[in-house]
PDB file of N, CA and C in Angstrom:
ATOM      1  N   MET A   1     119.193 174.015 169.113  1.00  0.00           N
ATOM      2  CA  MET A   1     117.871 173.953 168.522  1.00  0.00           C
ATOM      3  C   MET A   1     117.520 172.492 168.242  1.00  0.00           C
ATOM      4  N   ARG A   2     116.294 172.105 168.528  1.00  0.00           N
ATOM      5  CA  ARG A   2     115.852 170.725 168.319  1.00  0.00           C
ATOM      6  C   ARG A   2     115.630 170.449 166.834  1.00  0.00           C
ATOM      7  N   PRO A   3     115.944 169.214 166.397  1.00  0.00           N
ATOM      8  CA  PRO A   3     115.671 168.865 164.991  1.00  0.00           C
ATOM      9  C   PRO A   3     114.167 168.928 164.724  1.00  0.00           C
ATOM     10  N   GLY A   4     113.800 169.491 163.593  1.00  0.00           N
ATOM     11  CA  GLY A   4     112.396 169.547 163.211  1.00  0.00           C
ATOM     12  C   GLY A   4     111.636 170.686 163.869  1.00  0.00           C
ATOM     13  N   HIS A   5     112.326 171.512 164.678  1.00  0.00           N
ATOM     14  CA  HIS A   5     111.665 172.622 165.352  1.00  0.00           C
ATOM     15  C   HIS A   5     111.170 173.638 164.323  1.00  0.00           C
ATOM     16  N   GLY A   6     109.936 174.078 164.481  1.00  0.00           N
ATOM     17  CA  GLY A   6     109.368 175.058 163.563  1.00  0.00           C
ATOM     18  C   GLY A   6     108.685 174.439 162.352  1.00  0.00           C
ATOM     19  N   GLN A   7     108.734 173.128 162.224  1.00  0.00           N
ATOM     20  CA  GLN A   7     108.080 172.455 161.110  1.00  0.00           C
ATOM     21  C   GLN A   7     106.774 171.835 161.606  1.00  0.00           C
ATOM     22  N   PRO A   8     105.734 171.823 160.786  1.00  0.00           N
ATOM     23  CA  PRO A   8     104.480 171.208 161.206  1.00  0.00           C
ATOM     24  C   PRO A   8     104.665 169.707 161.404  1.00  0.00           C
ATOM     25  N   PRO A   9     103.952 169.121 162.364  1.00  0.00           N
ATOM     26  CA  PRO A   9     104.087 167.679 162.595  1.00  0.00           C
ATOM     27  C   PRO A   9     103.582 166.883 161.399  1.00  0.00           C
ATOM     28  N   GLN A  10     104.189 165.758 161.148  1.00  0.00           N
ATOM     29  CA  GLN A  10     103.792 164.874 160.057  1.00  0.00           C
ATOM     30  C   GLN A  10     102.769 163.873 160.580  1.00  0.00           C
ATOM     31  N   HIS A  11     101.548 163.926 160.084  1.00  0.00           N
ATOM     32  CA  HIS A  11     100.491 163.006 160.495  1.00  0.00           C
ATOM     33  C   HIS A  11     100.105 162.162 159.293  1.00  0.00           C
ATOM     34  N   LYS A  12     100.745 161.043 159.130  1.00  0.00           N
ATOM     35  CA  LYS A  12     100.416 160.166 158.010  1.00  0.00           C
ATOM     36  C   LYS A  12      99.075 159.500 158.269  1.00  0.00           C
ATOM     37  N   GLY A  13      98.235 159.452 157.244  1.00  0.00           N
ATOM     38  CA  GLY A  13      96.969 158.746 157.347  1.00  0.00           C
ATOM     39  C   GLY A  13      95.854 159.559 157.978  1.00  0.00           C
ATOM     40  N   SER A  14      96.107 160.797 158.354  1.00  0.00           N
ATOM     41  CA  SER A  14      95.077 161.591 159.013  1.00  0.00           C
ATOM     42  C   SER A  14      93.910 161.900 158.082  1.00  0.00           C
ATOM     43  N   TYR A  15      94.200 162.189 156.818  1.00  0.00           N
ATOM     44  CA  TYR A  15      93.154 162.603 155.890  1.00  0.00           C
ATOM     45  C   TYR A  15      93.214 161.791 154.609  1.00  0.00           C
ATOM     46  N   GLU A  16      93.353 160.512 154.718  1.00  0.00           N
ATOM     47  CA  GLU A  16      93.503 159.689 153.519  1.00  0.00           C
ATOM     48  C   GLU A  16      92.181 159.377 152.834  1.00  0.00           C
ATOM     49  N   ASP A  17      91.085 159.281 153.578  1.00  0.00           N
ATOM     50  CA  ASP A  17      89.837 158.815 152.974  1.00  0.00           C
ATOM     51  C   ASP A  17      88.694 159.761 153.329  1.00  0.00           C
ATOM     52  N   PHE A  18      88.272 160.567 152.360  1.00  0.00           N
ATOM     53  CA  PHE A  18      87.162 161.482 152.539  1.00  0.00           C
ATOM     54  C   PHE A  18      85.975 161.023 151.720  1.00  0.00           C
ATOM     55  N   GLU A  19      84.779 161.312 152.206  1.00  0.00           N
ATOM     56  CA  GLU A  19      83.558 161.141 151.436  1.00  0.00           C
ATOM     57  C   GLU A  19      82.838 162.474 151.465  1.00  0.00           C
ATOM     58  N   ALA A  20      82.549 163.023 150.300  1.00  0.00           N
ATOM     59  CA  ALA A  20      81.887 164.324 150.226  1.00  0.00           C
ATOM     60  C   ALA A  20      80.397 164.174 150.474  1.00  0.00           C
ATOM     61  N   SER A  21      79.818 165.153 151.156  1.00  0.00           N
ATOM     62  CA  SER A  21      78.371 165.176 151.345  1.00  0.00           C
ATOM     63  C   SER A  21      77.749 166.359 150.596  1.00  0.00           C
ATOM     64  N   VAL A  22      78.548 167.409 150.368  1.00  0.00           N
ATOM     65  CA  VAL A  22      78.095 168.586 149.628  1.00  0.00           C
ATOM     66  C   VAL A  22      79.229 169.015 148.701  1.00  0.00           C
ATOM     67  N   LEU A  23      78.905 169.219 147.424  1.00  0.00           N
ATOM     68  CA  LEU A  23      79.881 169.701 146.439  1.00  0.00           C
ATOM     69  C   LEU A  23      79.252 170.795 145.588  1.00  0.00           C
ATOM     70  N   PHE A  24      80.093 171.634 144.988  1.00  0.00           N
ATOM     71  CA  PHE A  24      79.604 172.658 144.074  1.00  0.00           C
ATOM     72  C   PHE A  24      79.129 172.004 142.783  1.00  0.00           C
ATOM     73  N   CYS A  25      77.937 172.329 142.352  1.00  0.00           N
ATOM     74  CA  CYS A  25      77.383 171.809 141.096  1.00  0.00           C
ATOM     75  C   CYS A  25      77.483 172.908 140.043  1.00  0.00           C
ATOM     76  N   SER A  26      78.143 172.599 138.922  1.00  0.00           N
ATOM     77  CA  SER A  26      78.320 173.598 137.857  1.00  0.00           C
ATOM     78  C   SER A  26      77.000 173.891 137.140  1.00  0.00           C
ATOM     79  N   ARG A  27      76.071 172.967 137.144  1.00  0.00           N
ATOM     80  CA  ARG A  27      74.786 173.204 136.490  1.00  0.00           C
ATOM     81  C   ARG A  27      73.860 174.044 137.381  1.00  0.00           C
ATOM     82  N   CYS A  28      73.783 173.716 138.681  1.00  0.00           N
ATOM     83  CA  CYS A  28      72.935 174.466 139.621  1.00  0.00           C
ATOM     84  C   CYS A  28      73.588 175.783 140.046  1.00  0.00           C
ATOM     85  N   ARG A  29      74.913 175.881 139.882  1.00  0.00           N
ATOM     86  CA  ARG A  29      75.711 177.051 140.246  1.00  0.00           C
ATOM     87  C   ARG A  29      75.672 177.347 141.744  1.00  0.00           C
ATOM     88  N   VAL A  30      75.568 176.283 142.562  1.00  0.00           N
ATOM     89  CA  VAL A  30      75.552 176.407 144.018  1.00  0.00           C
ATOM     90  C   VAL A  30      75.982 175.066 144.610  1.00  0.00           C
ATOM     91  N   ALA A  31      76.461 175.079 145.852  1.00  0.00           N
ATOM     92  CA  ALA A  31      76.813 173.825 146.517  1.00  0.00           C
ATOM     93  C   ALA A  31      75.535 173.051 146.814  1.00  0.00           C
ATOM     94  N   GLN A  32      75.538 171.771 146.459  1.00  0.00           N
ATOM     95  CA  GLN A  32      74.364 170.918 146.621  1.00  0.00           C
ATOM     96  C   GLN A  32      74.755 169.620 147.322  1.00  0.00           C
ATOM     97  N   PRO A  33      73.823 169.000 148.051  1.00  0.00           N
ATOM     98  CA  PRO A  33      74.099 167.660 148.580  1.00  0.00           C
ATOM     99  C   PRO A  33      74.332 166.693 147.417  1.00  0.00           C
ATOM    100  N   VAL A  34      75.191 165.712 147.623  1.00  0.00           N
ATOM    101  CA  VAL A  34      75.497 164.748 146.569  1.00  0.00           C
ATOM    102  C   VAL A  34      75.273 163.321 147.064  1.00  0.00           C
ATOM    103  N   ARG A  35      75.010 162.442 146.107  1.00  0.00           N
ATOM    104  CA  ARG A  35      74.928 161.005 146.354  1.00  0.00           C
ATOM    105  C   ARG A  35      76.155 160.375 145.710  1.00  0.00           C
ATOM    106  N   GLU A  36      76.642 159.320 146.307  1.00  0.00           N
ATOM    107  CA  GLU A  36      77.798 158.627 145.750  1.00  0.00           C
ATOM    108  C   GLU A  36      77.322 157.315 145.144  1.00  0.00           C
ATOM    109  N   ARG A  37      77.773 157.037 143.919  1.00  0.00           N
ATOM    110  CA  ARG A  37      77.414 155.759 143.287  1.00  0.00           C
ATOM    111  C   ARG A  37      78.667 155.120 142.711  1.00  0.00           C
ATOM    112  N   LEU A  38      78.689 153.797 142.718  1.00  0.00           N
ATOM    113  CA  LEU A  38      79.804 153.043 142.159  1.00  0.00           C
ATOM    114  C   LEU A  38      79.767 153.165 140.647  1.00  0.00           C
ATOM    115  N   LEU A  39      80.869 153.608 140.068  1.00  0.00           N
ATOM    116  CA  LEU A  39      80.937 153.808 138.623  1.00  0.00           C
ATOM    117  C   LEU A  39      81.672 152.660 137.944  1.00  0.00           C
ATOM    118  N   LEU A  40      82.860 152.290 138.462  1.00  0.00           N
ATOM    119  CA  LEU A  40      83.672 151.229 137.878  1.00  0.00           C
ATOM    120  C   LEU A  40      84.372 150.431 138.966  1.00  0.00           C
ATOM    121  N   VAL A  41      84.533 149.139 138.716  1.00  0.00           N
ATOM    122  CA  VAL A  41      85.376 148.306 139.566  1.00  0.00           C
ATOM    123  C   VAL A  41      86.654 148.046 138.785  1.00  0.00           C
ATOM    124  N   LEU A  42      87.777 148.494 139.338  1.00  0.00           N
ATOM    125  CA  LEU A  42      89.069 148.396 138.678  1.00  0.00           C
ATOM    126  C   LEU A  42      89.942 147.378 139.405  1.00  0.00           C
ATOM    127  N   PRO A  43      90.991 146.885 138.774  1.00  0.00           N
ATOM    128  CA  PRO A  43      91.876 145.922 139.435  1.00  0.00           C
ATOM    129  C   PRO A  43      92.525 146.469 140.711  1.00  0.00           C
ATOM    130  N   ASP A  44      92.756 147.779 140.745  1.00  0.00           N
ATOM    131  CA  ASP A  44      93.426 148.363 141.915  1.00  0.00           C
ATOM    132  C   ASP A  44      92.480 149.137 142.832  1.00  0.00           C
ATOM    133  N   GLY A  45      91.171 149.038 142.610  1.00  0.00           N
ATOM    134  CA  GLY A  45      90.213 149.728 143.478  1.00  0.00           C
ATOM    135  C   GLY A  45      88.882 149.953 142.787  1.00  0.00           C
ATOM    136  N   GLU A  46      88.152 150.943 143.279  1.00  0.00           N
ATOM    137  CA  GLU A  46      86.833 151.269 142.746  1.00  0.00           C
ATOM    138  C   GLU A  46      86.774 152.761 142.437  1.00  0.00           C
ATOM    139  N   LEU A  47      86.037 153.120 141.383  1.00  0.00           N
ATOM    140  CA  LEU A  47      85.824 154.510 141.019  1.00  0.00           C
ATOM    141  C   LEU A  47      84.372 154.847 141.326  1.00  0.00           C
ATOM    142  N   HIS A  48      84.174 155.855 142.181  1.00  0.00           N
ATOM    143  CA  HIS A  48      82.841 156.295 142.573  1.00  0.00           C
ATOM    144  C   HIS A  48      82.573 157.658 141.966  1.00  0.00           C
ATOM    145  N   GLU A  49      81.303 157.928 141.654  1.00  0.00           N
ATOM    146  CA  GLU A  49      80.902 159.199 141.080  1.00  0.00           C
ATOM    147  C   GLU A  49      79.969 159.903 142.055  1.00  0.00           C
ATOM    148  N   TYR A  50      80.131 161.218 142.196  1.00  0.00           N
ATOM    149  CA  TYR A  50      79.233 162.019 143.010  1.00  0.00           C
ATOM    150  C   TYR A  50      78.170 162.628 142.110  1.00  0.00           C
ATOM    151  N   ILE A  51      76.893 162.420 142.463  1.00  0.00           N
ATOM    152  CA  ILE A  51      75.756 162.893 141.689  1.00  0.00           C
ATOM    153  C   ILE A  51      75.035 163.990 142.475  1.00  0.00           C
ATOM    154  N   CYS A  52      74.778 165.130 141.842  1.00  0.00           N
ATOM    155  CA  CYS A  52      74.067 166.237 142.471  1.00  0.00           C
ATOM    156  C   CYS A  52      72.629 165.814 142.778  1.00  0.00           C
ATOM    157  N   SER A  53      72.191 166.051 144.006  1.00  0.00           N
ATOM    158  CA  SER A  53      70.821 165.705 144.389  1.00  0.00           C
ATOM    159  C   SER A  53      69.793 166.653 143.782  1.00  0.00           C
ATOM    160  N   GLY A  54      70.227 167.841 143.369  1.00  0.00           N
ATOM    161  CA  GLY A  54      69.309 168.814 142.791  1.00  0.00           C
ATOM    162  C   GLY A  54      68.962 168.530 141.342  1.00  0.00           C
ATOM    163  N   CYS A  55      69.984 168.318 140.511  1.00  0.00           N
ATOM    164  CA  CYS A  55      69.727 168.179 139.073  1.00  0.00           C
ATOM    165  C   CYS A  55      70.133 166.816 138.504  1.00  0.00           C
ATOM    166  N   GLY A  56      70.889 166.020 139.257  1.00  0.00           N
ATOM    167  CA  GLY A  56      71.279 164.698 138.789  1.00  0.00           C
ATOM    168  C   GLY A  56      72.539 164.662 137.947  1.00  0.00           C
ATOM    169  N   SER A  57      73.228 165.783 137.803  1.00  0.00           N
ATOM    170  CA  SER A  57      74.461 165.776 137.003  1.00  0.00           C
ATOM    171  C   SER A  57      75.644 165.332 137.845  1.00  0.00           C
ATOM    172  N   SER A  58      76.724 164.934 137.170  1.00  0.00           N
ATOM    173  CA  SER A  58      77.929 164.485 137.852  1.00  0.00           C
ATOM    174  C   SER A  58      78.675 165.686 138.426  1.00  0.00           C
ATOM    175  N   SER A  59      79.062 165.579 139.706  1.00  0.00           N
ATOM    176  CA  SER A  59      79.785 166.671 140.365  1.00  0.00           C
ATOM    177  C   SER A  59      81.226 166.306 140.679  1.00  0.00           C
ATOM    178  N   GLY A  60      81.636 165.086 140.351  1.00  0.00           N
ATOM    179  CA  GLY A  60      83.018 164.686 140.604  1.00  0.00           C
ATOM    180  C   GLY A  60      83.138 163.188 140.789  1.00  0.00           C
ATOM    181  N   THR A  61      84.370 162.731 140.970  1.00  0.00           N
ATOM    182  CA  THR A  61      84.642 161.311 141.172  1.00  0.00           C
ATOM    183  C   THR A  61      85.608 161.134 142.337  1.00  0.00           C
ATOM    184  N   ARG A  62      85.666 159.906 142.822  1.00  0.00           N
ATOM    185  CA  ARG A  62      86.582 159.544 143.902  1.00  0.00           C
ATOM    186  C   ARG A  62      87.028 158.110 143.667  1.00  0.00           C
ATOM    187  N   LYS A  63      88.341 157.874 143.768  1.00  0.00           N
ATOM    188  CA  LYS A  63      88.872 156.520 143.607  1.00  0.00           C
ATOM    189  C   LYS A  63      89.211 155.955 144.982  1.00  0.00           C
ATOM    190  N   VAL A  64      88.701 154.764 145.256  1.00  0.00           N
ATOM    191  CA  VAL A  64      88.962 154.069 146.511  1.00  0.00           C
ATOM    192  C   VAL A  64      89.951 152.953 146.212  1.00  0.00           C
ATOM    193  N   GLN A  65      91.130 153.018 146.826  1.00  0.00           N
ATOM    194  CA  GLN A  65      92.164 152.009 146.597  1.00  0.00           C
ATOM    195  C   GLN A  65      91.764 150.687 147.245  1.00  0.00           C
ATOM    196  N   ALA A  66      91.990 149.599 146.544  1.00  0.00           N
ATOM    197  CA  ALA A  66      91.728 148.266 147.089  1.00  0.00           C
ATOM    198  C   ALA A  66      92.819 147.930 148.098  1.00  0.00           C
ATOM    199  N   PRO A  67      92.456 147.225 149.174  1.00  0.00           N
ATOM    200  CA  PRO A  67      93.492 146.810 150.121  1.00  0.00           C
ATOM    201  C   PRO A  67      94.436 145.815 149.457  1.00  0.00           C
ATOM    202  N   PRO A  68      95.691 145.775 149.888  1.00  0.00           N
ATOM    203  CA  PRO A  68      96.626 144.830 149.283  1.00  0.00           C
ATOM    204  C   PRO A  68      96.159 143.395 149.518  1.00  0.00           C
ATOM    205  N   PRO A  69      96.385 142.516 148.548  1.00  0.00           N
ATOM    206  CA  PRO A  69      95.931 141.123 148.711  1.00  0.00           C
ATOM    207  C   PRO A  69      96.659 140.459 149.875  1.00  0.00           C
ATOM    208  N   GLN A  70      95.915 139.644 150.621  1.00  0.00           N
ATOM    209  CA  GLN A  70      96.511 138.927 151.741  1.00  0.00           C
ATOM    210  C   GLN A  70      97.008 137.568 151.264  1.00  0.00           C
ATOM    211  N   LEU A  71      98.214 137.263 151.633  1.00  0.00           N
ATOM    212  CA  LEU A  71      98.801 135.980 151.253  1.00  0.00           C
ATOM    213  C   LEU A  71      98.412 134.918 152.281  1.00  0.00           C
ATOM    214  N   THR A  72      97.936 133.814 151.786  1.00  0.00           N
ATOM    215  CA  THR A  72      97.604 132.705 152.672  1.00  0.00           C
ATOM    216  C   THR A  72      98.530 131.541 152.353  1.00  0.00           C
ATOM    217  N   ILE A  73      99.084 130.965 153.365  1.00  0.00           N
ATOM    218  CA  ILE A  73      99.983 129.838 153.194  1.00  0.00           C
ATOM    219  C   ILE A  73      99.252 128.589 153.693  1.00  0.00           C
ATOM    220  N   GLY A  74      99.224 127.608 152.856  1.00  0.00           N
ATOM    221  CA  GLY A  74      98.595 126.380 153.325  1.00  0.00           C
ATOM    222  C   GLY A  74      97.972 125.568 152.293  1.00  0.00           C
TER     223      GLY A  74
END
């Protein structure tokens, strides 16, 4: 039997960065289109908030990791 046979393939990085276009809104009680806005700039990335296009309430957040700093020699 081959090693790893019967196990799902490992795909690193396949689904690391999603942006939602429609989310469930607890106020509207239905899935609604959302807008994304920058909420906070943090040392290790940015925090974005999803805003319901129907009523304007917050439907969730997403953290975007900052790329590692590049070292320059010179």
